[in-house]
Amino acid sequence: MIKVIVGYKLKEGADFDPILRKLRSQAMQLPGFIGAENMLSEQDRHIIALVSTWEKLEDWREWDKSKIRQDILKKAEPLLAESPKVTIYKLMPTIKWFG
């Protein structure tokens, strides 16, 4: 299982909620999608993170390169102060921490 964090830095006054809803609703239809959360930075209210969970890295990569996702992000560009930043994490079993 992997978690993907996509950070968005928004322009002042940008309403990004419709974009987040579209991204989530489309991703939910794909194989390997497990769930997602939207997070707002406590340090900077212009930074939003979309944290999604996928069964496999390949599932995320299919979504990442999909035309649907690219079209949604293209429409989001006027709202963004910077390009989105993507970070991918593989879940690490906690049992190894105690060995």
PDB file of N, CA and C in Angstrom:
ATOM      1  N   MET A   1       0.833  -1.166   0.000  1.00  0.00           N
ATOM      2  CA  MET A   1       0.000   0.000   0.000  1.00  0.00           C
ATOM      3  C   MET A   1       0.889   1.244   0.000  1.00  0.00           C
ATOM      4  N   ILE A   2       0.435   2.283  -0.706  1.00  0.00           N
ATOM      5  CA  ILE A   2       1.179   3.539  -0.741  1.00  0.00           C
ATOM      6  C   ILE A   2       0.260   4.708  -0.403  1.00  0.00           C
ATOM      7  N   LYS A   3       0.881   5.786   0.041  1.00  0.00           N
ATOM      8  CA  LYS A   3       0.185   7.059   0.250  1.00  0.00           C
ATOM      9  C   LYS A   3       0.866   8.089  -0.629  1.00  0.00           C
ATOM     10  N   VAL A   4       0.052   8.879  -1.286  1.00  0.00           N
ATOM     11  CA  VAL A   4       0.559   9.932  -2.164  1.00  0.00           C
ATOM     12  C   VAL A   4       0.074  11.263  -1.612  1.00  0.00           C
ATOM     13  N   ILE A   5       1.017  12.161  -1.387  1.00  0.00           N
ATOM     14  CA  ILE A   5       0.673  13.490  -0.900  1.00  0.00           C
ATOM     15  C   ILE A   5       0.959  14.482  -2.021  1.00  0.00           C
ATOM     16  N   VAL A   6      -0.096  15.158  -2.447  1.00  0.00           N
ATOM     17  CA  VAL A   6       0.059  16.190  -3.469  1.00  0.00           C
ATOM     18  C   VAL A   6      -0.215  17.529  -2.792  1.00  0.00           C
ATOM     19  N   GLY A   7       0.815  18.368  -2.741  1.00  0.00           N
ATOM     20  CA  GLY A   7       0.694  19.680  -2.118  1.00  0.00           C
ATOM     21  C   GLY A   7       0.404  20.744  -3.150  1.00  0.00           C
ATOM     22  N   TYR A   8      -0.586  21.563  -2.838  1.00  0.00           N
ATOM     23  CA  TYR A   8      -0.976  22.657  -3.730  1.00  0.00           C
ATOM     24  C   TYR A   8      -0.812  23.979  -2.982  1.00  0.00           C
ATOM     25  N   LYS A   9      -0.094  24.922  -3.575  1.00  0.00           N
ATOM     26  CA  LYS A   9      -0.016  26.272  -3.016  1.00  0.00           C
ATOM     27  C   LYS A   9      -0.943  27.146  -3.858  1.00  0.00           C
ATOM     28  N   LEU A  10      -1.946  27.699  -3.187  1.00  0.00           N
ATOM     29  CA  LEU A  10      -2.997  28.428  -3.883  1.00  0.00           C
ATOM     30  C   LEU A  10      -2.746  29.924  -3.906  1.00  0.00           C
ATOM     31  N   LYS A  11      -3.298  30.556  -4.923  1.00  0.00           N
ATOM     32  CA  LYS A  11      -3.289  32.009  -4.990  1.00  0.00           C
ATOM     33  C   LYS A  11      -4.298  32.546  -3.979  1.00  0.00           C
ATOM     34  N   GLU A  12      -4.116  33.777  -3.586  1.00  0.00           N
ATOM     35  CA  GLU A  12      -5.022  34.443  -2.651  1.00  0.00           C
ATOM     36  C   GLU A  12      -6.459  34.388  -3.182  1.00  0.00           C
ATOM     37  N   GLY A  13      -7.375  33.943  -2.334  1.00  0.00           N
ATOM     38  CA  GLY A  13      -8.793  33.913  -2.683  1.00  0.00           C
ATOM     39  C   GLY A  13      -9.235  32.748  -3.553  1.00  0.00           C
ATOM     40  N   ALA A  14      -8.337  31.841  -3.882  1.00  0.00           N
ATOM     41  CA  ALA A  14      -8.682  30.712  -4.756  1.00  0.00           C
ATOM     42  C   ALA A  14      -9.617  29.739  -4.043  1.00  0.00           C
ATOM     43  N   ASP A  15     -10.684  29.344  -4.732  1.00  0.00           N
ATOM     44  CA  ASP A  15     -11.604  28.326  -4.215  1.00  0.00           C
ATOM     45  C   ASP A  15     -11.229  26.998  -4.868  1.00  0.00           C
ATOM     46  N   PHE A  16     -10.519  26.162  -4.122  1.00  0.00           N
ATOM     47  CA  PHE A  16      -9.997  24.912  -4.668  1.00  0.00           C
ATOM     48  C   PHE A  16     -10.895  23.715  -4.362  1.00  0.00           C
ATOM     49  N   ASP A  17     -11.929  23.903  -3.556  1.00  0.00           N
ATOM     50  CA  ASP A  17     -12.810  22.795  -3.189  1.00  0.00           C
ATOM     51  C   ASP A  17     -13.406  22.061  -4.387  1.00  0.00           C
ATOM     52  N   PRO A  18     -13.913  22.772  -5.404  1.00  0.00           N
ATOM     53  CA  PRO A  18     -14.458  22.032  -6.562  1.00  0.00           C
ATOM     54  C   PRO A  18     -13.416  21.148  -7.247  1.00  0.00           C
ATOM     55  N   ILE A  19     -12.169  21.606  -7.287  1.00  0.00           N
ATOM     56  CA  ILE A  19     -11.103  20.808  -7.904  1.00  0.00           C
ATOM     57  C   ILE A  19     -10.847  19.554  -7.082  1.00  0.00           C
ATOM     58  N   LEU A  20     -10.757  19.715  -5.763  1.00  0.00           N
ATOM     59  CA  LEU A  20     -10.526  18.560  -4.892  1.00  0.00           C
ATOM     60  C   LEU A  20     -11.659  17.546  -5.010  1.00  0.00           C
ATOM     61  N   ARG A  21     -12.885  18.027  -5.091  1.00  0.00           N
ATOM     62  CA  ARG A  21     -14.035  17.106  -5.231  1.00  0.00           C
ATOM     63  C   ARG A  21     -13.962  16.343  -6.551  1.00  0.00           C
ATOM     64  N   LYS A  22     -13.598  17.035  -7.626  1.00  0.00           N
ATOM     65  CA  LYS A  22     -13.488  16.375  -8.933  1.00  0.00           C
ATOM     66  C   LYS A  22     -12.372  15.330  -8.922  1.00  0.00           C
ATOM     67  N   LEU A  23     -11.223  15.708  -8.365  1.00  0.00           N
ATOM     68  CA  LEU A  23     -10.109  14.757  -8.320  1.00  0.00           C
ATOM     69  C   LEU A  23     -10.498  13.505  -7.543  1.00  0.00           C
ATOM     70  N   ARG A  24     -11.102  13.693  -6.384  1.00  0.00           N
ATOM     71  CA  ARG A  24     -11.479  12.552  -5.557  1.00  0.00           C
ATOM     72  C   ARG A  24     -12.554  11.699  -6.235  1.00  0.00           C
ATOM     73  N   SER A  25     -13.585  12.328  -6.762  1.00  0.00           N
ATOM     74  CA  SER A  25     -14.678  11.556  -7.366  1.00  0.00           C
ATOM     75  C   SER A  25     -14.207  10.741  -8.562  1.00  0.00           C
ATOM     76  N   GLN A  26     -13.276  11.283  -9.329  1.00  0.00           N
ATOM     77  CA  GLN A  26     -12.749  10.530 -10.470  1.00  0.00           C
ATOM     78  C   GLN A  26     -11.797   9.423 -10.021  1.00  0.00           C
ATOM     79  N   ALA A  27     -10.946   9.711  -9.044  1.00  0.00           N
ATOM     80  CA  ALA A  27     -10.005   8.697  -8.558  1.00  0.00           C
ATOM     81  C   ALA A  27     -10.740   7.517  -7.932  1.00  0.00           C
ATOM     82  N   MET A  28     -11.855   7.787  -7.265  1.00  0.00           N
ATOM     83  CA  MET A  28     -12.625   6.725  -6.601  1.00  0.00           C
ATOM     84  C   MET A  28     -13.070   5.627  -7.569  1.00  0.00           C
ATOM     85  N   GLN A  29     -13.165   5.955  -8.831  1.00  0.00           N
ATOM     86  CA  GLN A  29     -13.643   4.998  -9.826  1.00  0.00           C
ATOM     87  C   GLN A  29     -12.549   4.077 -10.355  1.00  0.00           C
ATOM     88  N   LEU A  30     -11.317   4.327  -9.941  1.00  0.00           N
ATOM     89  CA  LEU A  30     -10.200   3.572 -10.504  1.00  0.00           C
ATOM     90  C   LEU A  30      -9.800   2.384  -9.639  1.00  0.00           C
ATOM     91  N   PRO A  31      -9.298   1.333 -10.287  1.00  0.00           N
ATOM     92  CA  PRO A  31      -8.790   0.191  -9.531  1.00  0.00           C
ATOM     93  C   PRO A  31      -7.634   0.625  -8.640  1.00  0.00           C
ATOM     94  N   GLY A  32      -7.602   0.107  -7.432  1.00  0.00           N
ATOM     95  CA  GLY A  32      -6.500   0.374  -6.526  1.00  0.00           C
ATOM     96  C   GLY A  32      -6.690   1.559  -5.608  1.00  0.00           C
ATOM     97  N   PHE A  33      -7.679   2.403  -5.886  1.00  0.00           N
ATOM     98  CA  PHE A  33      -7.926   3.557  -5.020  1.00  0.00           C
ATOM     99  C   PHE A  33      -8.567   3.077  -3.728  1.00  0.00           C
ATOM    100  N   ILE A  34      -8.015   3.510  -2.592  1.00  0.00           N
ATOM    101  CA  ILE A  34      -8.539   3.114  -1.289  1.00  0.00           C
ATOM    102  C   ILE A  34      -9.259   4.270  -0.606  1.00  0.00           C
ATOM    103  N   GLY A  35      -8.674   5.452  -0.636  1.00  0.00           N
ATOM    104  CA  GLY A  35      -9.312   6.588   0.016  1.00  0.00           C
ATOM    105  C   GLY A  35      -8.462   7.839  -0.111  1.00  0.00           C
ATOM    106  N   ALA A  36      -9.026   8.966   0.370  1.00  0.00           N
ATOM    107  CA  ALA A  36      -8.308  10.231   0.283  1.00  0.00           C
ATOM    108  C   ALA A  36      -8.775  11.178   1.381  1.00  0.00           C
ATOM    109  N   GLU A  37      -7.880  12.076   1.738  1.00  0.00           N
ATOM    110  CA  GLU A  37      -8.173  13.124   2.709  1.00  0.00           C
ATOM    111  C   GLU A  37      -7.632  14.441   2.170  1.00  0.00           C
ATOM    112  N   ASN A  38      -8.339  15.520   2.473  1.00  0.00           N
ATOM    113  CA  ASN A  38      -7.860  16.858   2.156  1.00  0.00           C
ATOM    114  C   ASN A  38      -7.355  17.475   3.448  1.00  0.00           C
ATOM    115  N   MET A  39      -6.198  18.116   3.373  1.00  0.00           N
ATOM    116  CA  MET A  39      -5.603  18.715   4.563  1.00  0.00           C
ATOM    117  C   MET A  39      -5.218  20.159   4.280  1.00  0.00           C
ATOM    118  N   LEU A  40      -5.433  21.016   5.274  1.00  0.00           N
ATOM    119  CA  LEU A  40      -5.099  22.426   5.180  1.00  0.00           C
ATOM    120  C   LEU A  40      -3.961  22.720   6.143  1.00  0.00           C
ATOM    121  N   SER A  41      -2.918  23.356   5.654  1.00  0.00           N
ATOM    122  CA  SER A  41      -1.753  23.664   6.477  1.00  0.00           C
ATOM    123  C   SER A  41      -2.126  24.613   7.607  1.00  0.00           C
ATOM    124  N   GLU A  42      -1.623  24.320   8.791  1.00  0.00           N
ATOM    125  CA  GLU A  42      -1.795  25.214   9.942  1.00  0.00           C
ATOM    126  C   GLU A  42      -0.849  26.402   9.847  1.00  0.00           C
ATOM    127  N   GLN A  43       0.277  26.242   9.158  1.00  0.00           N
ATOM    128  CA  GLN A  43       1.266  27.313   9.055  1.00  0.00           C
ATOM    129  C   GLN A  43       0.960  28.300   7.927  1.00  0.00           C
ATOM    130  N   ASP A  44       0.319  27.815   6.868  1.00  0.00           N
ATOM    131  CA  ASP A  44       0.062  28.661   5.700  1.00  0.00           C
ATOM    132  C   ASP A  44      -1.276  28.241   5.091  1.00  0.00           C
ATOM    133  N   ARG A  45      -2.290  29.065   5.242  1.00  0.00           N
ATOM    134  CA  ARG A  45      -3.635  28.722   4.779  1.00  0.00           C
ATOM    135  C   ARG A  45      -3.750  28.636   3.257  1.00  0.00           C
ATOM    136  N   HIS A  46      -2.680  28.961   2.563  1.00  0.00           N
ATOM    137  CA  HIS A  46      -2.675  28.847   1.106  1.00  0.00           C
ATOM    138  C   HIS A  46      -2.172  27.486   0.631  1.00  0.00           C
ATOM    139  N   ILE A  47      -1.804  26.612   1.568  1.00  0.00           N
ATOM    140  CA  ILE A  47      -1.294  25.297   1.196  1.00  0.00           C
ATOM    141  C   ILE A  47      -2.309  24.223   1.581  1.00  0.00           C
ATOM    142  N   ILE A  48      -2.671  23.438   0.588  1.00  0.00           N
ATOM    143  CA  ILE A  48      -3.598  22.318   0.766  1.00  0.00           C
ATOM    144  C   ILE A  48      -2.883  21.059   0.303  1.00  0.00           C
ATOM    145  N   ALA A  49      -3.105  19.975   1.019  1.00  0.00           N
ATOM    146  CA  ALA A  49      -2.547  18.688   0.603  1.00  0.00           C
ATOM    147  C   ALA A  49      -3.693  17.705   0.380  1.00  0.00           C
ATOM    148  N   LEU A  50      -3.612  16.977  -0.693  1.00  0.00           N
ATOM    149  CA  LEU A  50      -4.524  15.874  -0.965  1.00  0.00           C
ATOM    150  C   LEU A  50      -3.727  14.600  -0.715  1.00  0.00           C
ATOM    151  N   VAL A  51      -4.129  13.849   0.304  1.00  0.00           N
ATOM    152  CA  VAL A  51      -3.436  12.611   0.674  1.00  0.00           C
ATOM    153  C   VAL A  51      -4.306  11.453   0.223  1.00  0.00           C
ATOM    154  N   SER A  52      -3.816  10.673  -0.723  1.00  0.00           N
ATOM    155  CA  SER A  52      -4.593   9.529  -1.217  1.00  0.00           C
ATOM    156  C   SER A  52      -3.856   8.230  -0.920  1.00  0.00           C
ATOM    157  N   THR A  53      -4.628   7.185  -0.747  1.00  0.00           N
ATOM    158  CA  THR A  53      -4.088   5.860  -0.460  1.00  0.00           C
ATOM    159  C   THR A  53      -4.441   4.936  -1.621  1.00  0.00           C
ATOM    160  N   TRP A  54      -3.431   4.193  -2.058  1.00  0.00           N
ATOM    161  CA  TRP A  54      -3.572   3.296  -3.217  1.00  0.00           C
ATOM    162  C   TRP A  54      -3.016   1.927  -2.856  1.00  0.00           C
ATOM    163  N   GLU A  55      -3.565   0.904  -3.482  1.00  0.00           N
ATOM    164  CA  GLU A  55      -3.077  -0.456  -3.237  1.00  0.00           C
ATOM    165  C   GLU A  55      -1.640  -0.631  -3.704  1.00  0.00           C
ATOM    166  N   LYS A  56      -1.347  -0.101  -4.916  1.00  0.00           N
ATOM    167  CA  LYS A  56      -0.005  -0.278  -5.497  1.00  0.00           C
ATOM    168  C   LYS A  56       0.451   1.005  -6.177  1.00  0.00           C
ATOM    169  N   LEU A  57       1.749   1.152  -6.283  1.00  0.00           N
ATOM    170  CA  LEU A  57       2.317   2.298  -6.975  1.00  0.00           C
ATOM    171  C   LEU A  57       1.817   2.381  -8.418  1.00  0.00           C
ATOM    172  N   GLU A  58       1.665   1.239  -9.054  1.00  0.00           N
ATOM    173  CA  GLU A  58       1.200   1.209 -10.440  1.00  0.00           C
ATOM    174  C   GLU A  58      -0.205   1.793 -10.564  1.00  0.00           C
ATOM    175  N   ASP A  59      -1.055   1.570  -9.546  1.00  0.00           N
ATOM    176  CA  ASP A  59      -2.413   2.133  -9.558  1.00  0.00           C
ATOM    177  C   ASP A  59      -2.345   3.661  -9.550  1.00  0.00           C
ATOM    178  N   TRP A  60      -1.493   4.202  -8.674  1.00  0.00           N
ATOM    179  CA  TRP A  60      -1.318   5.656  -8.627  1.00  0.00           C
ATOM    180  C   TRP A  60      -0.783   6.180  -9.956  1.00  0.00           C
ATOM    181  N   ARG A  61       0.189   5.497 -10.523  1.00  0.00           N
ATOM    182  CA  ARG A  61       0.795   5.966 -11.777  1.00  0.00           C
ATOM    183  C   ARG A  61      -0.233   6.022 -12.913  1.00  0.00           C
ATOM    184  N   GLU A  62      -1.134   5.046 -12.931  1.00  0.00           N
ATOM    185  CA  GLU A  62      -2.210   5.068 -13.940  1.00  0.00           C
ATOM    186  C   GLU A  62      -3.076   6.306 -13.760  1.00  0.00           C
ATOM    187  N   TRP A  63      -3.436   6.620 -12.531  1.00  0.00           N
ATOM    188  CA  TRP A  63      -4.232   7.808 -12.235  1.00  0.00           C
ATOM    189  C   TRP A  63      -3.432   9.072 -12.571  1.00  0.00           C
ATOM    190  N   ASP A  64      -2.174   9.097 -12.195  1.00  0.00           N
ATOM    191  CA  ASP A  64      -1.327  10.269 -12.410  1.00  0.00           C
ATOM    192  C   ASP A  64      -1.251  10.645 -13.880  1.00  0.00           C
ATOM    193  N   LYS A  65      -1.141   9.666 -14.745  1.00  0.00           N
ATOM    194  CA  LYS A  65      -0.988   9.959 -16.174  1.00  0.00           C
ATOM    195  C   LYS A  65      -2.317   9.986 -16.936  1.00  0.00           C
ATOM    196  N   SER A  66      -3.428   9.755 -16.242  1.00  0.00           N
ATOM    197  CA  SER A  66      -4.726   9.699 -16.919  1.00  0.00           C
ATOM    198  C   SER A  66      -5.126  11.054 -17.501  1.00  0.00           C
ATOM    199  N   LYS A  67      -5.828  11.008 -18.592  1.00  0.00           N
ATOM    200  CA  LYS A  67      -6.304  12.225 -19.245  1.00  0.00           C
ATOM    201  C   LYS A  67      -7.272  12.974 -18.335  1.00  0.00           C
ATOM    202  N   ILE A  68      -8.091  12.258 -17.617  1.00  0.00           N
ATOM    203  CA  ILE A  68      -9.050  12.904 -16.714  1.00  0.00           C
ATOM    204  C   ILE A  68      -8.324  13.755 -15.682  1.00  0.00           C
ATOM    205  N   ARG A  69      -7.323  13.188 -15.032  1.00  0.00           N
ATOM    206  CA  ARG A  69      -6.573  13.931 -14.014  1.00  0.00           C
ATOM    207  C   ARG A  69      -5.851  15.123 -14.630  1.00  0.00           C
ATOM    208  N   GLN A  70      -5.236  14.915 -15.770  1.00  0.00           N
ATOM    209  CA  GLN A  70      -4.518  15.999 -16.431  1.00  0.00           C
ATOM    210  C   GLN A  70      -5.454  17.148 -16.818  1.00  0.00           C
ATOM    211  N   ASP A  71      -6.662  16.806 -17.283  1.00  0.00           N
ATOM    212  CA  ASP A  71      -7.641  17.837 -17.640  1.00  0.00           C
ATOM    213  C   ASP A  71      -8.088  18.637 -16.414  1.00  0.00           C
ATOM    214  N   ILE A  72      -8.316  17.948 -15.298  1.00  0.00           N
ATOM    215  CA  ILE A  72      -8.722  18.634 -14.064  1.00  0.00           C
ATOM    216  C   ILE A  72      -7.618  19.571 -13.597  1.00  0.00           C
ATOM    217  N   LEU A  73      -6.376  19.084 -13.606  1.00  0.00           N
ATOM    218  CA  LEU A  73      -5.247  19.909 -13.165  1.00  0.00           C
ATOM    219  C   LEU A  73      -5.005  21.090 -14.102  1.00  0.00           C
ATOM    220  N   LYS A  74      -5.272  20.922 -15.372  1.00  0.00           N
ATOM    221  CA  LYS A  74      -5.127  22.029 -16.326  1.00  0.00           C
ATOM    222  C   LYS A  74      -6.101  23.154 -15.964  1.00  0.00           C
ATOM    223  N   LYS A  75      -7.327  22.783 -15.604  1.00  0.00           N
ATOM    224  CA  LYS A  75      -8.329  23.781 -15.205  1.00  0.00           C
ATOM    225  C   LYS A  75      -7.964  24.438 -13.877  1.00  0.00           C
ATOM    226  N   ALA A  76      -7.189  23.740 -13.053  1.00  0.00           N
ATOM    227  CA  ALA A  76      -6.798  24.263 -11.741  1.00  0.00           C
ATOM    228  C   ALA A  76      -5.639  25.247 -11.825  1.00  0.00           C
ATOM    229  N   GLU A  77      -4.885  25.241 -12.907  1.00  0.00           N
ATOM    230  CA  GLU A  77      -3.679  26.065 -13.020  1.00  0.00           C
ATOM    231  C   GLU A  77      -3.881  27.533 -12.650  1.00  0.00           C
ATOM    232  N   PRO A  78      -4.981  28.191 -13.072  1.00  0.00           N
ATOM    233  CA  PRO A  78      -5.146  29.607 -12.714  1.00  0.00           C
ATOM    234  C   PRO A  78      -5.283  29.852 -11.205  1.00  0.00           C
ATOM    235  N   LEU A  79      -5.598  28.814 -10.443  1.00  0.00           N
ATOM    236  CA  LEU A  79      -5.774  28.943  -8.998  1.00  0.00           C
ATOM    237  C   LEU A  79      -4.480  28.722  -8.228  1.00  0.00           C
ATOM    238  N   LEU A  80      -3.470  28.194  -8.897  1.00  0.00           N
ATOM    239  CA  LEU A  80      -2.239  27.784  -8.221  1.00  0.00           C
ATOM    240  C   LEU A  80      -1.137  28.834  -8.290  1.00  0.00           C
ATOM    241  N   ALA A  81      -0.459  29.019  -7.161  1.00  0.00           N
ATOM    242  CA  ALA A  81       0.687  29.920  -7.104  1.00  0.00           C
ATOM    243  C   ALA A  81       1.962  29.211  -7.549  1.00  0.00           C
ATOM    244  N   GLU A  82       1.963  27.875  -7.444  1.00  0.00           N
ATOM    245  CA  GLU A  82       3.115  27.048  -7.825  1.00  0.00           C
ATOM    246  C   GLU A  82       2.603  25.744  -8.416  1.00  0.00           C
ATOM    247  N   SER A  83       3.493  25.024  -9.063  1.00  0.00           N
ATOM    248  CA  SER A  83       3.146  23.683  -9.543  1.00  0.00           C
ATOM    249  C   SER A  83       2.945  22.762  -8.342  1.00  0.00           C
ATOM    250  N   PRO A  84       2.004  21.814  -8.456  1.00  0.00           N
ATOM    251  CA  PRO A  84       1.803  20.861  -7.353  1.00  0.00           C
ATOM    252  C   PRO A  84       3.064  20.051  -7.089  1.00  0.00           C
ATOM    253  N   LYS A  85       3.250  19.695  -5.822  1.00  0.00           N
ATOM    254  CA  LYS A  85       4.398  18.875  -5.421  1.00  0.00           C
ATOM    255  C   LYS A  85       3.885  17.510  -4.985  1.00  0.00           C
ATOM    256  N   VAL A  86       4.428  16.459  -5.588  1.00  0.00           N
ATOM    257  CA  VAL A  86       3.987  15.092  -5.327  1.00  0.00           C
ATOM    258  C   VAL A  86       5.061  14.350  -4.541  1.00  0.00           C
ATOM    259  N   THR A  87       4.631  13.711  -3.451  1.00  0.00           N
ATOM    260  CA  THR A  87       5.518  12.859  -2.662  1.00  0.00           C
ATOM    261  C   THR A  87       4.812  11.530  -2.452  1.00  0.00           C
ATOM    262  N   ILE A  88       5.519  10.436  -2.677  1.00  0.00           N
ATOM    263  CA  ILE A  88       4.934   9.097  -2.563  1.00  0.00           C
ATOM    264  C   ILE A  88       5.631   8.349  -1.429  1.00  0.00           C
ATOM    265  N   TYR A  89       4.819   7.736  -0.580  1.00  0.00           N
ATOM    266  CA  TYR A  89       5.342   6.970   0.555  1.00  0.00           C
ATOM    267  C   TYR A  89       4.813   5.547   0.506  1.00  0.00           C
ATOM    268  N   LYS A  90       5.695   4.614   0.763  1.00  0.00           N
ATOM    269  CA  LYS A  90       5.306   3.215   0.921  1.00  0.00           C
ATOM    270  C   LYS A  90       5.089   2.988   2.412  1.00  0.00           C
ATOM    271  N   LEU A  91       3.988   2.353   2.771  1.00  0.00           N
ATOM    272  CA  LEU A  91       3.726   2.087   4.184  1.00  0.00           C
ATOM    273  C   LEU A  91       4.737   1.108   4.729  1.00  0.00           C
ATOM    274  N   MET A  92       5.230   1.409   5.907  1.00  0.00           N
ATOM    275  CA  MET A  92       6.246   0.596   6.540  1.00  0.00           C
ATOM    276  C   MET A  92       5.613  -0.111   7.737  1.00  0.00           C
ATOM    277  N   PRO A  93       5.672  -1.422   7.786  1.00  0.00           N
ATOM    278  CA  PRO A  93       5.081  -2.128   8.929  1.00  0.00           C
ATOM    279  C   PRO A  93       5.733  -1.691  10.228  1.00  0.00           C
ATOM    280  N   THR A  94       4.916  -1.372  11.227  1.00  0.00           N
ATOM    281  CA  THR A  94       5.450  -0.887  12.498  1.00  0.00           C
ATOM    282  C   THR A  94       6.087  -1.998  13.324  1.00  0.00           C
ATOM    283  N   ILE A  95       5.816  -3.239  13.021  1.00  0.00           N
ATOM    284  CA  ILE A  95       6.393  -4.351  13.770  1.00  0.00           C
ATOM    285  C   ILE A  95       7.920  -4.311  13.697  1.00  0.00           C
ATOM    286  N   LYS A  96       8.460  -3.792  12.603  1.00  0.00           N
ATOM    287  CA  LYS A  96       9.914  -3.709  12.440  1.00  0.00           C
ATOM    288  C   LYS A  96      10.532  -2.701  13.396  1.00  0.00           C
ATOM    289  N   TRP A  97       9.752  -1.787  13.930  1.00  0.00           N
ATOM    290  CA  TRP A  97      10.271  -0.775  14.829  1.00  0.00           C
ATOM    291  C   TRP A  97      10.664  -1.369  16.186  1.00  0.00           C
ATOM    292  N   PHE A  98      10.120  -2.535  16.514  1.00  0.00           N
ATOM    293  CA  PHE A  98      10.331  -3.109  17.837  1.00  0.00           C
ATOM    294  C   PHE A  98      11.233  -4.324  17.841  1.00  0.00           C
ATOM    295  N   GLY A  99      11.920  -4.585  16.757  1.00  0.00           N
ATOM    296  CA  GLY A  99      12.672  -5.800  16.642  1.00  0.00           C
ATOM    297  C   GLY A  99      14.054  -5.708  17.092  1.00  0.00           C
TER     298      GLY A  99
END
